[in-house]
Amino acid sequence: MKFRIDGPIKSGKNNMGVGRNGIHYPLKAFSVWRGGVFDQLRKQFPAGPACWNAPCNVSFDYWPGDARRRDVPGMIDAVFHCAERFGIVKDDALFVNVKWTTHEIDRVKPGLNVEIY
């Protein structure tokens, strides 16, 4: 399965809050970003994705839009969260082997290509 997320990738770290009752919730900026990712995924999977329910590998090819330093584990966490919540994978713990490649800056079309196999 392959898909692409256009634009910058948010970090999943430091984008969650904890309520007084101990429940974790995403901060507004992360929720807005996640909603945009879901919109992109709905266009790529109009009938909905096939849900992986067995251990799998995932490969990321990332093109940043600027020269800022990025938190790769945080970005992976955010994409895993989106994949699970959107229904691409039953549980993000099923991603057992991960490969991340950062490419040169692409100011015109930054984004992330994802392949699950």
Protein backbone atom coordinates (compact mmCIF):
# COMPACT_ATOMS: atom_id res chain seq x y z
CA MET A 1 0.00 0.00 0.00
CA LYS A 2 1.33 3.43 -0.93
CA PHE A 3 0.14 6.93 -0.13
CA ARG A 4 1.48 10.49 0.08
CA ILE A 5 1.04 13.29 2.57
CA ASP A 6 1.71 16.69 1.00
CA GLY A 7 3.10 19.57 3.03
CA PRO A 8 4.96 19.70 6.32
CA ILE A 9 4.71 16.80 8.77
CA LYS A 10 3.90 17.68 12.37
CA SER A 11 5.59 15.97 15.26
CA GLY A 12 3.41 13.80 17.46
CA LYS A 13 5.51 14.74 20.47
CA ASN A 14 4.58 17.81 22.49
CA ASN A 15 1.31 18.11 20.59
CA MET A 16 -0.79 16.28 23.15
CA GLY A 17 -2.33 17.67 26.30
CA VAL A 18 -3.56 15.88 29.42
CA GLY A 19 -6.84 16.84 31.03
CA ARG A 20 -7.49 16.92 34.76
CA ASN A 21 -9.03 13.48 34.50
CA GLY A 22 -5.82 12.06 32.96
CA ILE A 23 -7.27 11.74 29.45
CA HIS A 24 -4.84 12.63 26.64
CA TYR A 25 -6.09 14.88 23.86
CA PRO A 26 -4.43 16.45 20.80
CA LEU A 27 -3.70 20.17 20.85
CA LYS A 28 -5.62 22.30 18.35
CA ALA A 29 -2.73 22.74 15.88
CA PHE A 30 -2.19 18.98 15.75
CA SER A 31 -5.94 18.32 15.31
CA VAL A 32 -6.07 20.76 12.39
CA TRP A 33 -3.02 19.13 10.76
CA ARG A 34 -4.46 15.63 11.31
CA GLY A 35 -7.76 16.73 9.72
CA GLY A 36 -5.84 17.91 6.66
CA VAL A 37 -4.01 14.58 6.47
CA PHE A 38 -7.34 12.73 6.68
CA ASP A 39 -8.70 14.88 3.83
CA GLN A 40 -5.70 13.89 1.70
CA LEU A 41 -6.09 10.21 2.61
CA ARG A 42 -9.82 10.24 1.78
CA LYS A 43 -8.93 11.43 -1.73
CA GLN A 44 -6.37 8.65 -2.12
CA PHE A 45 -8.65 5.96 -0.64
CA PRO A 46 -12.20 6.95 -1.65
CA ALA A 47 -13.58 3.52 -0.67
CA GLY A 48 -11.54 3.48 2.52
CA PRO A 49 -8.20 1.78 3.07
CA ALA A 50 -7.59 -1.93 3.49
CA CYS A 51 -6.86 -2.32 7.19
CA TRP A 52 -3.61 -4.14 7.99
CA ASN A 53 -3.97 -6.46 10.96
CA ALA A 54 -0.64 -8.31 10.86
CA PRO A 55 2.95 -7.19 11.43
CA CYS A 56 4.25 -5.16 8.49
CA ASN A 57 7.11 -2.99 7.29
CA VAL A 58 6.86 0.71 6.51
CA SER A 59 9.15 2.90 4.42
CA PHE A 60 9.11 6.70 4.44
CA ASP A 61 10.62 9.07 1.86
CA TYR A 62 10.50 12.64 3.15
CA TRP A 63 11.15 15.91 1.32
CA PRO A 64 11.24 18.87 3.74
CA GLY A 65 10.09 22.29 2.59
CA ASP A 66 12.80 24.22 4.43
CA ALA A 67 16.10 23.77 6.26
CA ARG A 68 14.68 23.59 9.81
CA ARG A 69 15.77 20.67 11.95
CA ARG A 70 13.08 18.01 12.23
CA ASP A 71 12.22 15.52 14.97
CA VAL A 72 12.08 12.32 12.91
CA PRO A 73 10.77 10.06 15.73
CA GLY A 74 8.07 12.66 16.40
CA MET A 75 7.03 12.77 12.75
CA ILE A 76 6.93 8.96 12.62
CA ASP A 77 4.76 8.98 15.73
CA ALA A 78 2.34 11.47 14.13
CA VAL A 79 2.06 9.48 10.91
CA PHE A 80 1.58 6.22 12.86
CA HIS A 81 -1.21 7.92 14.83
CA CYS A 82 -2.90 9.06 11.61
CA ALA A 83 -2.55 5.61 10.01
CA GLU A 84 -4.17 3.93 13.00
CA ARG A 85 -6.92 6.49 13.46
CA PHE A 86 -7.77 6.55 9.73
CA GLY A 87 -7.97 2.75 9.62
CA ILE A 88 -4.92 1.94 7.52
CA VAL A 89 -3.59 -0.29 10.30
CA LYS A 90 -5.46 -1.85 13.22
CA ASP A 91 -2.72 -0.96 15.73
CA ASP A 92 0.39 1.11 15.06
CA ALA A 93 2.40 -1.48 17.02
CA LEU A 94 2.04 -3.66 13.90
CA PHE A 95 4.69 -1.51 12.18
CA VAL A 96 7.66 -3.67 13.14
CA ASN A 97 10.35 -2.48 10.69
CA VAL A 98 10.69 1.19 9.84
CA LYS A 99 12.88 2.88 7.22
CA TRP A 100 13.08 6.68 7.03
CA THR A 101 14.92 8.54 4.25
CA THR A 102 15.16 12.32 4.22
CA HIS A 103 15.76 13.78 0.77
CA GLU A 104 16.86 17.24 -0.36
CA ILE A 105 14.73 20.30 0.36
CA ASP A 106 11.78 20.70 -2.01
CA ARG A 107 10.30 24.17 -1.53
CA VAL A 108 7.69 23.57 -4.25
CA LYS A 109 6.22 20.23 -3.21
CA PRO A 110 7.38 19.08 0.24
CA GLY A 111 5.82 15.93 1.62
CA LEU A 112 6.08 12.32 2.62
CA ASN A 113 5.69 9.16 0.55
CA VAL A 114 4.68 6.14 2.63
CA GLU A 115 4.83 2.50 1.58
CA ILE A 116 3.49 -0.29 3.79
CA TYR A 117 4.43 -3.83 2.85
